[in-house]
């Protein structure tokens, strides 16, 4: 299985993080309250500054590609909404919290 983590601006569609194009260490954990926390190891720079300014307009996705096992790609969309989204300068870690998620197989949706 191949996993890709993507963070993008919901309105403008600008992609801030895409591990399919550039490896970025991250961790996803389920919180006790049922929410989700992403911890991303990345230096602070102009992209992260812009991401932080748009914190309430982010879409976060995890794509799990099972093509080697002949299974379809599963897309999980995490709802950030009110976050919080923060950056720890000492640890050089971006934290994004999501309240909920929806998981689906894109190929099964018809337009």
PDB file of N, CA and C in Angstrom:
ATOM      1  N   UNK A   1       0.829  -1.175   0.000  1.00  0.00           N
ATOM      2  CA  UNK A   1       0.000   0.000   0.000  1.00  0.00           C
ATOM      3  C   UNK A   1       0.879   1.246   0.000  1.00  0.00           C
ATOM      4  N   UNK A   2       0.489   2.210  -0.810  1.00  0.00           N
ATOM      5  CA  UNK A   2       1.156   3.505  -0.853  1.00  0.00           C
ATOM      6  C   UNK A   2       0.209   4.533  -0.244  1.00  0.00           C
ATOM      7  N   UNK A   3       0.726   5.382   0.646  1.00  0.00           N
ATOM      8  CA  UNK A   3      -0.097   6.398   1.288  1.00  0.00           C
ATOM      9  C   UNK A   3       0.419   7.781   0.911  1.00  0.00           C
ATOM     10  N   UNK A   4      -0.505   8.681   0.561  1.00  0.00           N
ATOM     11  CA  UNK A   4      -0.158  10.050   0.214  1.00  0.00           C
ATOM     12  C   UNK A   4      -0.957  10.992   1.108  1.00  0.00           C
ATOM     13  N   UNK A   5      -0.268  11.960   1.679  1.00  0.00           N
ATOM     14  CA  UNK A   5      -0.852  12.964   2.570  1.00  0.00           C
ATOM     15  C   UNK A   5      -0.843  14.289   1.837  1.00  0.00           C
ATOM     16  N   UNK A   6      -2.011  14.967   1.796  1.00  0.00           N
ATOM     17  CA  UNK A   6      -2.138  16.225   1.064  1.00  0.00           C
ATOM     18  C   UNK A   6      -2.848  17.248   1.943  1.00  0.00           C
ATOM     19  N   UNK A   7      -2.290  18.467   1.979  1.00  0.00           N
ATOM     20  CA  UNK A   7      -2.933  19.604   2.645  1.00  0.00           C
ATOM     21  C   UNK A   7      -3.061  20.690   1.601  1.00  0.00           C
ATOM     22  N   UNK A   8      -4.314  21.160   1.399  1.00  0.00           N
ATOM     23  CA  UNK A   8      -4.521  22.194   0.387  1.00  0.00           C
ATOM     24  C   UNK A   8      -5.514  23.232   0.876  1.00  0.00           C
ATOM     25  N   UNK A   9      -5.465  24.388   0.238  1.00  0.00           N
ATOM     26  CA  UNK A   9      -6.389  25.478   0.535  1.00  0.00           C
ATOM     27  C   UNK A   9      -7.716  25.145  -0.128  1.00  0.00           C
ATOM     28  N   UNK A  10      -8.771  25.118   0.661  1.00  0.00           N
ATOM     29  CA  UNK A  10     -10.085  24.703   0.162  1.00  0.00           C
ATOM     30  C   UNK A  10     -10.635  25.661  -0.887  1.00  0.00           C
ATOM     31  N   UNK A  11     -10.368  26.949  -0.744  1.00  0.00           N
ATOM     32  CA  UNK A  11     -10.942  27.940  -1.653  1.00  0.00           C
ATOM     33  C   UNK A  11     -10.116  28.055  -2.931  1.00  0.00           C
ATOM     34  N   UNK A  12      -8.829  28.296  -2.792  1.00  0.00           N
ATOM     35  CA  UNK A  12      -7.983  28.521  -3.958  1.00  0.00           C
ATOM     36  C   UNK A  12      -7.407  27.267  -4.572  1.00  0.00           C
ATOM     37  N   UNK A  13      -7.427  26.187  -3.820  1.00  0.00           N
ATOM     38  CA  UNK A  13      -6.906  24.930  -4.329  1.00  0.00           C
ATOM     39  C   UNK A  13      -5.397  24.800  -4.280  1.00  0.00           C
ATOM     40  N   UNK A  14      -4.704  25.780  -3.674  1.00  0.00           N
ATOM     41  CA  UNK A  14      -3.249  25.707  -3.585  1.00  0.00           C
ATOM     42  C   UNK A  14      -2.844  24.546  -2.686  1.00  0.00           C
ATOM     43  N   UNK A  15      -1.915  23.749  -3.157  1.00  0.00           N
ATOM     44  CA  UNK A  15      -1.431  22.601  -2.386  1.00  0.00           C
ATOM     45  C   UNK A  15      -0.199  23.030  -1.590  1.00  0.00           C
ATOM     46  N   UNK A  16      -0.276  22.841  -0.276  1.00  0.00           N
ATOM     47  CA  UNK A  16       0.831  23.188   0.607  1.00  0.00           C
ATOM     48  C   UNK A  16       1.734  21.993   0.873  1.00  0.00           C
ATOM     49  N   UNK A  17       1.135  20.825   1.035  1.00  0.00           N
ATOM     50  CA  UNK A  17       1.899  19.606   1.308  1.00  0.00           C
ATOM     51  C   UNK A  17       1.322  18.498   0.449  1.00  0.00           C
ATOM     52  N   UNK A  18       2.191  17.771  -0.234  1.00  0.00           N
ATOM     53  CA  UNK A  18       1.793  16.606  -1.034  1.00  0.00           C
ATOM     54  C   UNK A  18       2.942  15.613  -0.968  1.00  0.00           C
ATOM     55  N   UNK A  19       2.791  14.589  -0.129  1.00  0.00           N
ATOM     56  CA  UNK A  19       3.881  13.626   0.045  1.00  0.00           C
ATOM     57  C   UNK A  19       4.083  12.749  -1.179  1.00  0.00           C
ATOM     58  N   UNK A  20       3.161  12.809  -2.147  1.00  0.00           N
ATOM     59  CA  UNK A  20       3.354  12.103  -3.400  1.00  0.00           C
ATOM     60  C   UNK A  20       4.390  12.783  -4.284  1.00  0.00           C
ATOM     61  N   UNK A  21       4.619  14.075  -4.040  1.00  0.00           N
ATOM     62  CA  UNK A  21       5.583  14.851  -4.828  1.00  0.00           C
ATOM     63  C   UNK A  21       6.855  15.156  -4.055  1.00  0.00           C
ATOM     64  N   UNK A  22       6.728  15.256  -2.718  1.00  0.00           N
ATOM     65  CA  UNK A  22       7.897  15.540  -1.880  1.00  0.00           C
ATOM     66  C   UNK A  22       7.681  14.870  -0.531  1.00  0.00           C
ATOM     67  N   UNK A  23       8.613  14.033  -0.158  1.00  0.00           N
ATOM     68  CA  UNK A  23       8.506  13.305   1.111  1.00  0.00           C
ATOM     69  C   UNK A  23       8.538  14.280   2.281  1.00  0.00           C
ATOM     70  N   UNK A  24       7.539  14.161   3.142  1.00  0.00           N
ATOM     71  CA  UNK A  24       7.444  14.966   4.360  1.00  0.00           C
ATOM     72  C   UNK A  24       7.002  14.012   5.471  1.00  0.00           C
ATOM     73  N   UNK A  25       7.799  13.874   6.521  1.00  0.00           N
ATOM     74  CA  UNK A  25       7.404  12.976   7.612  1.00  0.00           C
ATOM     75  C   UNK A  25       6.163  13.510   8.333  1.00  0.00           C
ATOM     76  N   UNK A  26       5.199  12.630   8.537  1.00  0.00           N
ATOM     77  CA  UNK A  26       3.994  13.018   9.271  1.00  0.00           C
ATOM     78  C   UNK A  26       3.460  11.814  10.033  1.00  0.00           C
ATOM     79  N   UNK A  27       2.619  12.133  11.009  1.00  0.00           N
ATOM     80  CA  UNK A  27       2.004  11.092  11.828  1.00  0.00           C
ATOM     81  C   UNK A  27       0.533  11.466  11.995  1.00  0.00           C
ATOM     82  N   UNK A  28      -0.338  10.489  11.898  1.00  0.00           N
ATOM     83  CA  UNK A  28      -1.766  10.666  12.128  1.00  0.00           C
ATOM     84  C   UNK A  28      -2.153   9.857  13.351  1.00  0.00           C
ATOM     85  N   UNK A  29      -2.847  10.511  14.287  1.00  0.00           N
ATOM     86  CA  UNK A  29      -3.324   9.784  15.457  1.00  0.00           C
ATOM     87  C   UNK A  29      -4.766  10.169  15.750  1.00  0.00           C
ATOM     88  N   UNK A  30      -5.524   9.204  16.234  1.00  0.00           N
ATOM     89  CA  UNK A  30      -6.899   9.459  16.640  1.00  0.00           C
ATOM     90  C   UNK A  30      -6.877   9.944  18.082  1.00  0.00           C
ATOM     91  N   UNK A  31      -7.587  11.045  18.323  1.00  0.00           N
ATOM     92  CA  UNK A  31      -7.628  11.630  19.658  1.00  0.00           C
ATOM     93  C   UNK A  31      -8.711  10.960  20.499  1.00  0.00           C
ATOM     94  N   UNK A  32      -8.603  11.103  21.805  1.00  0.00           N
ATOM     95  CA  UNK A  32      -9.577  10.498  22.725  1.00  0.00           C
ATOM     96  C   UNK A  32     -10.985  11.016  22.487  1.00  0.00           C
ATOM     97  N   UNK A  33     -11.108  12.267  22.007  1.00  0.00           N
ATOM     98  CA  UNK A  33     -12.433  12.853  21.773  1.00  0.00           C
ATOM     99  C   UNK A  33     -13.037  12.449  20.426  1.00  0.00           C
ATOM    100  N   UNK A  34     -12.327  11.592  19.693  1.00  0.00           N
ATOM    101  CA  UNK A  34     -12.828  11.142  18.396  1.00  0.00           C
ATOM    102  C   UNK A  34     -12.301  11.948  17.228  1.00  0.00           C
ATOM    103  N   UNK A  35     -11.580  13.017  17.501  1.00  0.00           N
ATOM    104  CA  UNK A  35     -10.974  13.812  16.438  1.00  0.00           C
ATOM    105  C   UNK A  35      -9.664  13.189  15.974  1.00  0.00           C
ATOM    106  N   UNK A  36      -8.959  13.932  15.134  1.00  0.00           N
ATOM    107  CA  UNK A  36      -7.721  13.422  14.535  1.00  0.00           C
ATOM    108  C   UNK A  36      -6.652  14.497  14.615  1.00  0.00           C
ATOM    109  N   UNK A  37      -5.411  14.071  14.820  1.00  0.00           N
ATOM    110  CA  UNK A  37      -4.284  14.993  14.892  1.00  0.00           C
ATOM    111  C   UNK A  37      -3.194  14.544  13.917  1.00  0.00           C
ATOM    112  N   UNK A  38      -2.801  15.484  13.061  1.00  0.00           N
ATOM    113  CA  UNK A  38      -1.668  15.274  12.165  1.00  0.00           C
ATOM    114  C   UNK A  38      -0.495  16.063  12.724  1.00  0.00           C
ATOM    115  N   UNK A  39       0.652  15.423  12.834  1.00  0.00           N
ATOM    116  CA  UNK A  39       1.882  16.084  13.239  1.00  0.00           C
ATOM    117  C   UNK A  39       2.849  15.943  12.070  1.00  0.00           C
ATOM    118  N   UNK A  40       3.277  17.086  11.544  1.00  0.00           N
ATOM    119  CA  UNK A  40       4.094  17.116  10.330  1.00  0.00           C
ATOM    120  C   UNK A  40       5.445  17.734  10.665  1.00  0.00           C
ATOM    121  N   UNK A  41       6.521  17.020  10.368  1.00  0.00           N
ATOM    122  CA  UNK A  41       7.872  17.540  10.589  1.00  0.00           C
ATOM    123  C   UNK A  41       8.291  18.335   9.359  1.00  0.00           C
ATOM    124  N   UNK A  42       8.352  19.654   9.522  1.00  0.00           N
ATOM    125  CA  UNK A  42       8.702  20.519   8.398  1.00  0.00           C
ATOM    126  C   UNK A  42       9.230  21.837   8.917  1.00  0.00           C
ATOM    127  N   UNK A  43      10.243  22.397   8.272  1.00  0.00           N
ATOM    128  CA  UNK A  43      10.727  23.696   8.721  1.00  0.00           C
ATOM    129  C   UNK A  43       9.704  24.797   8.419  1.00  0.00           C
ATOM    130  N   UNK A  44       9.729  25.826   9.231  1.00  0.00           N
ATOM    131  CA  UNK A  44       8.841  26.973   9.014  1.00  0.00           C
ATOM    132  C   UNK A  44       9.419  27.793   7.862  1.00  0.00           C
ATOM    133  N   UNK A  45       8.582  28.135   6.937  1.00  0.00           N
ATOM    134  CA  UNK A  45       8.984  28.934   5.783  1.00  0.00           C
ATOM    135  C   UNK A  45       7.762  29.637   5.226  1.00  0.00           C
ATOM    136  N   UNK A  46       7.885  30.293   4.077  1.00  0.00           N
ATOM    137  CA  UNK A  46       6.756  31.040   3.497  1.00  0.00           C
ATOM    138  C   UNK A  46       5.508  30.172   3.271  1.00  0.00           C
ATOM    139  N   UNK A  47       5.690  28.923   2.834  1.00  0.00           N
ATOM    140  CA  UNK A  47       4.535  28.039   2.600  1.00  0.00           C
ATOM    141  C   UNK A  47       3.787  27.753   3.899  1.00  0.00           C
ATOM    142  N   UNK A  48       4.523  27.480   4.958  1.00  0.00           N
ATOM    143  CA  UNK A  48       3.899  27.184   6.252  1.00  0.00           C
ATOM    144  C   UNK A  48       3.242  28.443   6.808  1.00  0.00           C
ATOM    145  N   UNK A  49       3.865  29.599   6.633  1.00  0.00           N
ATOM    146  CA  UNK A  49       3.266  30.862   7.085  1.00  0.00           C
ATOM    147  C   UNK A  49       1.919  31.088   6.395  1.00  0.00           C
ATOM    148  N   UNK A  50       1.876  30.862   5.086  1.00  0.00           N
ATOM    149  CA  UNK A  50       0.625  31.031   4.347  1.00  0.00           C
ATOM    150  C   UNK A  50      -0.417  30.006   4.801  1.00  0.00           C
ATOM    151  N   UNK A  51       0.011  28.774   4.986  1.00  0.00           N
ATOM    152  CA  UNK A  51      -0.891  27.724   5.473  1.00  0.00           C
ATOM    153  C   UNK A  51      -1.507  28.127   6.813  1.00  0.00           C
ATOM    154  N   UNK A  52      -0.700  28.661   7.719  1.00  0.00           N
ATOM    155  CA  UNK A  52      -1.193  29.060   9.039  1.00  0.00           C
ATOM    156  C   UNK A  52      -2.212  30.194   8.926  1.00  0.00           C
ATOM    157  N   UNK A  53      -2.004  31.124   7.999  1.00  0.00           N
ATOM    158  CA  UNK A  53      -2.955  32.218   7.797  1.00  0.00           C
ATOM    159  C   UNK A  53      -4.297  31.708   7.279  1.00  0.00           C
ATOM    160  N   UNK A  54      -4.274  30.595   6.565  1.00  0.00           N
ATOM    161  CA  UNK A  54      -5.486  30.027   5.968  1.00  0.00           C
ATOM    162  C   UNK A  54      -5.976  28.808   6.749  1.00  0.00           C
ATOM    163  N   UNK A  55      -5.615  28.731   8.009  1.00  0.00           N
ATOM    164  CA  UNK A  55      -5.863  27.541   8.829  1.00  0.00           C
ATOM    165  C   UNK A  55      -7.310  27.064   8.810  1.00  0.00           C
ATOM    166  N   UNK A  56      -8.270  27.974   8.744  1.00  0.00           N
ATOM    167  CA  UNK A  56      -9.683  27.578   8.788  1.00  0.00           C
ATOM    168  C   UNK A  56     -10.257  27.297   7.404  1.00  0.00           C
ATOM    169  N   UNK A  57      -9.384  27.285   6.396  1.00  0.00           N
ATOM    170  CA  UNK A  57      -9.829  27.021   5.032  1.00  0.00           C
ATOM    171  C   UNK A  57      -9.057  25.855   4.413  1.00  0.00           C
ATOM    172  N   UNK A  58      -8.594  24.937   5.246  1.00  0.00           N
ATOM    173  CA  UNK A  58      -7.774  23.830   4.757  1.00  0.00           C
ATOM    174  C   UNK A  58      -8.589  22.567   4.529  1.00  0.00           C
ATOM    175  N   UNK A  59      -8.185  21.827   3.519  1.00  0.00           N
ATOM    176  CA  UNK A  59      -8.658  20.464   3.301  1.00  0.00           C
ATOM    177  C   UNK A  59      -7.459  19.555   3.494  1.00  0.00           C
ATOM    178  N   UNK A  60      -7.662  18.482   4.232  1.00  0.00           N
ATOM    179  CA  UNK A  60      -6.602  17.508   4.479  1.00  0.00           C
ATOM    180  C   UNK A  60      -7.091  16.164   3.971  1.00  0.00           C
ATOM    181  N   UNK A  61      -6.248  15.490   3.192  1.00  0.00           N
ATOM    182  CA  UNK A  61      -6.601  14.203   2.602  1.00  0.00           C
ATOM    183  C   UNK A  61      -5.505  13.182   2.867  1.00  0.00           C
ATOM    184  N   UNK A  62      -5.913  11.935   2.966  1.00  0.00           N
ATOM    185  CA  UNK A  62      -4.985  10.805   2.952  1.00  0.00           C
ATOM    186  C   UNK A  62      -5.508   9.850   1.896  1.00  0.00           C
ATOM    187  N   UNK A  63      -4.663   9.545   0.914  1.00  0.00           N
ATOM    188  CA  UNK A  63      -4.995   8.594  -0.137  1.00  0.00           C
ATOM    189  C   UNK A  63      -4.238   7.309   0.144  1.00  0.00           C
ATOM    190  N   UNK A  64      -4.955   6.210   0.187  1.00  0.00           N
ATOM    191  CA  UNK A  64      -4.323   4.903   0.365  1.00  0.00           C
ATOM    192  C   UNK A  64      -4.522   4.119  -0.921  1.00  0.00           C
ATOM    193  N   UNK A  65      -3.416   3.890  -1.606  1.00  0.00           N
ATOM    194  CA  UNK A  65      -3.450   3.217  -2.911  1.00  0.00           C
ATOM    195  C   UNK A  65      -3.098   1.748  -2.719  1.00  0.00           C
ATOM    196  N   UNK A  66      -4.088   0.893  -2.978  1.00  0.00           N
ATOM    197  CA  UNK A  66      -3.926  -0.553  -2.814  1.00  0.00           C
ATOM    198  C   UNK A  66      -3.802  -1.255  -4.167  1.00  0.00           C
ATOM    199  N   UNK A  67      -3.377  -0.536  -5.204  1.00  0.00           N
ATOM    200  CA  UNK A  67      -3.381  -1.102  -6.553  1.00  0.00           C
ATOM    201  C   UNK A  67      -2.573  -2.397  -6.664  1.00  0.00           C
ATOM    202  N   UNK A  68      -1.528  -2.519  -5.865  1.00  0.00           N
ATOM    203  CA  UNK A  68      -0.738  -3.754  -5.906  1.00  0.00           C
ATOM    204  C   UNK A  68      -1.525  -4.945  -5.378  1.00  0.00           C
ATOM    205  N   UNK A  69      -2.521  -4.682  -4.532  1.00  0.00           N
ATOM    206  CA  UNK A  69      -3.368  -5.748  -3.993  1.00  0.00           C
ATOM    207  C   UNK A  69      -4.677  -5.850  -4.765  1.00  0.00           C
ATOM    208  N   UNK A  70      -4.755  -5.163  -5.918  1.00  0.00           N
ATOM    209  CA  UNK A  70      -5.957  -5.146  -6.759  1.00  0.00           C
ATOM    210  C   UNK A  70      -7.183  -4.590  -6.043  1.00  0.00           C
ATOM    211  N   UNK A  71      -6.961  -3.644  -5.143  1.00  0.00           N
ATOM    212  CA  UNK A  71      -8.038  -2.953  -4.439  1.00  0.00           C
ATOM    213  C   UNK A  71      -8.034  -1.498  -4.896  1.00  0.00           C
ATOM    214  N   UNK A  72      -9.181  -0.841  -4.853  1.00  0.00           N
ATOM    215  CA  UNK A  72      -9.224   0.561  -5.282  1.00  0.00           C
ATOM    216  C   UNK A  72      -8.556   1.498  -4.279  1.00  0.00           C
ATOM    217  N   UNK A  73      -8.188   2.678  -4.751  1.00  0.00           N
ATOM    218  CA  UNK A  73      -7.648   3.715  -3.882  1.00  0.00           C
ATOM    219  C   UNK A  73      -8.753   4.200  -2.944  1.00  0.00           C
ATOM    220  N   UNK A  74      -8.418   4.349  -1.680  1.00  0.00           N
ATOM    221  CA  UNK A  74      -9.362   4.862  -0.683  1.00  0.00           C
ATOM    222  C   UNK A  74      -8.914   6.278  -0.324  1.00  0.00           C
ATOM    223  N   UNK A  75      -9.858   7.222  -0.411  1.00  0.00           N
ATOM    224  CA  UNK A  75      -9.581   8.618  -0.109  1.00  0.00           C
ATOM    225  C   UNK A  75     -10.274   8.967   1.209  1.00  0.00           C
ATOM    226  N   UNK A  76      -9.520   9.578   2.120  1.00  0.00           N
ATOM    227  CA  UNK A  76     -10.094  10.033   3.378  1.00  0.00           C
ATOM    228  C   UNK A  76      -9.940  11.545   3.432  1.00  0.00           C
ATOM    229  N   UNK A  77     -11.069  12.228   3.620  1.00  0.00           N
ATOM    230  CA  UNK A  77     -11.108  13.681   3.698  1.00  0.00           C
ATOM    231  C   UNK A  77     -11.342  14.049   5.145  1.00  0.00           C
ATOM    232  N   UNK A  78     -10.415  14.778   5.728  1.00  0.00           N
ATOM    233  CA  UNK A  78     -10.503  15.195   7.120  1.00  0.00           C
ATOM    234  C   UNK A  78     -11.001  16.630   7.179  1.00  0.00           C
ATOM    235  N   UNK A  79     -12.004  16.878   8.032  1.00  0.00           N
ATOM    236  CA  UNK A  79     -12.593  18.201   8.193  1.00  0.00           C
ATOM    237  C   UNK A  79     -11.858  18.977   9.279  1.00  0.00           C
ATOM    238  N   UNK A  80     -11.082  19.970   8.875  1.00  0.00           N
ATOM    239  CA  UNK A  80     -10.305  20.772   9.816  1.00  0.00           C
ATOM    240  C   UNK A  80     -11.203  21.806  10.482  1.00  0.00           C
ATOM    241  N   UNK A  81     -12.025  22.486   9.709  1.00  0.00           N
ATOM    242  CA  UNK A  81     -12.975  23.482  10.190  1.00  0.00           C
ATOM    243  C   UNK A  81     -12.307  24.467  11.143  1.00  0.00           C
ATOM    244  N   UNK A  82     -12.563  24.370  12.429  1.00  0.00           N
ATOM    245  CA  UNK A  82     -12.008  25.312  13.409  1.00  0.00           C
ATOM    246  C   UNK A  82     -10.661  24.866  13.976  1.00  0.00           C
ATOM    247  N   UNK A  83     -10.109  23.800  13.433  1.00  0.00           N
ATOM    248  CA  UNK A  83      -8.765  23.382  13.819  1.00  0.00           C
ATOM    249  C   UNK A  83      -8.686  22.754  15.190  1.00  0.00           C
ATOM    250  N   UNK A  84      -7.690  23.053  15.946  1.00  0.00           N
ATOM    251  CA  UNK A  84      -6.690  24.081  15.716  1.00  0.00           C
ATOM    252  C   UNK A  84      -5.577  23.632  14.770  1.00  0.00           C
ATOM    253  N   UNK A  85      -4.928  24.635  14.210  1.00  0.00           N
ATOM    254  CA  UNK A  85      -3.744  24.433  13.380  1.00  0.00           C
ATOM    255  C   UNK A  85      -2.663  25.299  14.006  1.00  0.00           C
ATOM    256  N   UNK A  86      -1.509  24.708  14.309  1.00  0.00           N
ATOM    257  CA  UNK A  86      -0.449  25.466  14.982  1.00  0.00           C
ATOM    258  C   UNK A  86       0.920  24.982  14.526  1.00  0.00           C
ATOM    259  N   UNK A  87       1.927  25.771  14.879  1.00  0.00           N
ATOM    260  CA  UNK A  87       3.303  25.412  14.548  1.00  0.00           C
ATOM    261  C   UNK A  87       4.160  25.581  15.792  1.00  0.00           C
ATOM    262  N   UNK A  88       4.985  24.569  16.075  1.00  0.00           N
ATOM    263  CA  UNK A  88       5.912  24.593  17.200  1.00  0.00           C
ATOM    264  C   UNK A  88       7.310  24.848  16.629  1.00  0.00           C
ATOM    265  N   UNK A  89       7.825  26.065  16.846  1.00  0.00           N
ATOM    266  CA  UNK A  89       9.133  26.429  16.290  1.00  0.00           C
ATOM    267  C   UNK A  89      10.268  25.592  16.873  1.00  0.00           C
ATOM    268  N   UNK A  90      10.176  25.268  18.150  1.00  0.00           N
ATOM    269  CA  UNK A  90      11.238  24.502  18.791  1.00  0.00           C
ATOM    270  C   UNK A  90      11.363  23.098  18.192  1.00  0.00           C
ATOM    271  N   UNK A  91      10.221  22.437  17.990  1.00  0.00           N
ATOM    272  CA  UNK A  91      10.221  21.083  17.444  1.00  0.00           C
ATOM    273  C   UNK A  91      10.201  21.062  15.911  1.00  0.00           C
ATOM    274  N   UNK A  92       9.946  22.206  15.298  1.00  0.00           N
ATOM    275  CA  UNK A  92       9.752  22.315  13.851  1.00  0.00           C
ATOM    276  C   UNK A  92       8.652  21.364  13.388  1.00  0.00           C
ATOM    277  N   UNK A  93       7.504  21.483  14.070  1.00  0.00           N
ATOM    278  CA  UNK A  93       6.362  20.621  13.771  1.00  0.00           C
ATOM    279  C   UNK A  93       5.097  21.444  13.555  1.00  0.00           C
ATOM    280  N   UNK A  94       4.408  21.091  12.505  1.00  0.00           N
ATOM    281  CA  UNK A  94       3.096  21.635  12.206  1.00  0.00           C
ATOM    282  C   UNK A  94       2.071  20.651  12.753  1.00  0.00           C
ATOM    283  N   UNK A  95       1.064  21.153  13.461  1.00  0.00           N
ATOM    284  CA  UNK A  95       0.003  20.301  13.987  1.00  0.00           C
ATOM    285  C   UNK A  95      -1.319  20.757  13.394  1.00  0.00           C
ATOM    286  N   UNK A  96      -2.051  19.817  12.829  1.00  0.00           N
ATOM    287  CA  UNK A  96      -3.371  20.089  12.264  1.00  0.00           C
ATOM    288  C   UNK A  96      -4.344  19.131  12.926  1.00  0.00           C
ATOM    289  N   UNK A  97      -5.397  19.689  13.503  1.00  0.00           N
ATOM    290  CA  UNK A  97      -6.411  18.844  14.135  1.00  0.00           C
ATOM    291  C   UNK A  97      -7.699  18.923  13.331  1.00  0.00           C
ATOM    292  N   UNK A  98      -8.329  17.774  13.166  1.00  0.00           N
ATOM    293  CA  UNK A  98      -9.584  17.661  12.424  1.00  0.00           C
ATOM    294  C   UNK A  98     -10.641  17.054  13.338  1.00  0.00           C
ATOM    295  N   UNK A  99     -11.873  17.506  13.171  1.00  0.00           N
ATOM    296  CA  UNK A  99     -12.956  17.017  14.017  1.00  0.00           C
ATOM    297  C   UNK A  99     -13.555  15.715  13.510  1.00  0.00           C
ATOM    298  N   UNK A 100     -13.554  15.537  12.195  1.00  0.00           N
ATOM    299  CA  UNK A 100     -14.191  14.341  11.634  1.00  0.00           C
ATOM    300  C   UNK A 100     -13.554  14.014  10.291  1.00  0.00           C
ATOM    301  N   UNK A 101     -14.015  12.916   9.715  1.00  0.00           N
ATOM    302  CA  UNK A 101     -13.495  12.490   8.424  1.00  0.00           C
ATOM    303  C   UNK A 101     -14.595  11.776   7.654  1.00  0.00           C
ATOM    304  N   UNK A 102     -14.390  11.702   6.358  1.00  0.00           N
ATOM    305  CA  UNK A 102     -15.251  10.890   5.503  1.00  0.00           C
ATOM    306  C   UNK A 102     -14.314  10.085   4.608  1.00  0.00           C
ATOM    307  N   UNK A 103     -14.604   8.806   4.496  1.00  0.00           N
ATOM    308  CA  UNK A 103     -13.763   7.906   3.714  1.00  0.00           C
ATOM    309  C   UNK A 103     -14.581   7.373   2.549  1.00  0.00           C
ATOM    310  N   UNK A 104     -13.990   7.388   1.353  1.00  0.00           N
ATOM    311  CA  UNK A 104     -14.705   6.896   0.182  1.00  0.00           C
ATOM    312  C   UNK A 104     -13.732   6.453  -0.894  1.00  0.00           C
ATOM    313  N   UNK A 105     -14.282   5.773  -1.876  1.00  0.00           N
ATOM    314  CA  UNK A 105     -13.511   5.318  -3.031  1.00  0.00           C
ATOM    315  C   UNK A 105     -13.909   6.213  -4.207  1.00  0.00           C
ATOM    316  N   UNK A 106     -13.022   7.115  -4.662  1.00  0.00           N
ATOM    317  CA  UNK A 106     -13.371   8.068  -5.722  1.00  0.00           C
ATOM    318  C   UNK A 106     -13.948   7.426  -6.986  1.00  0.00           C
ATOM    319  N   UNK A 107     -13.458   6.251  -7.365  1.00  0.00           N
ATOM    320  CA  UNK A 107     -13.938   5.589  -8.595  1.00  0.00           C
ATOM    321  C   UNK A 107     -15.388   5.160  -8.505  1.00  0.00           C
ATOM    322  N   UNK A 108     -15.933   5.129  -7.305  1.00  0.00           N
ATOM    323  CA  UNK A 108     -17.318   4.669  -7.132  1.00  0.00           C
ATOM    324  C   UNK A 108     -18.323   5.821  -7.176  1.00  0.00           C
ATOM    325  N   UNK A 109     -17.837   7.061  -7.338  1.00  0.00           N
ATOM    326  CA  UNK A 109     -18.708   8.218  -7.435  1.00  0.00           C
ATOM    327  C   UNK A 109     -18.848   8.615  -8.901  1.00  0.00           C
ATOM    328  N   UNK A 110     -20.050   8.752  -9.347  1.00  0.00           N
ATOM    329  CA  UNK A 110     -20.319   9.141 -10.732  1.00  0.00           C
ATOM    330  C   UNK A 110     -20.788  10.579 -10.735  1.00  0.00           C
ATOM    331  N   UNK A 111     -20.371  11.320 -11.740  1.00  0.00           N
ATOM    332  CA  UNK A 111     -20.827  12.725 -11.828  1.00  0.00           C
ATOM    333  C   UNK A 111     -22.061  12.833 -12.672  1.00  0.00           C
TER     334      UNK A 111
END
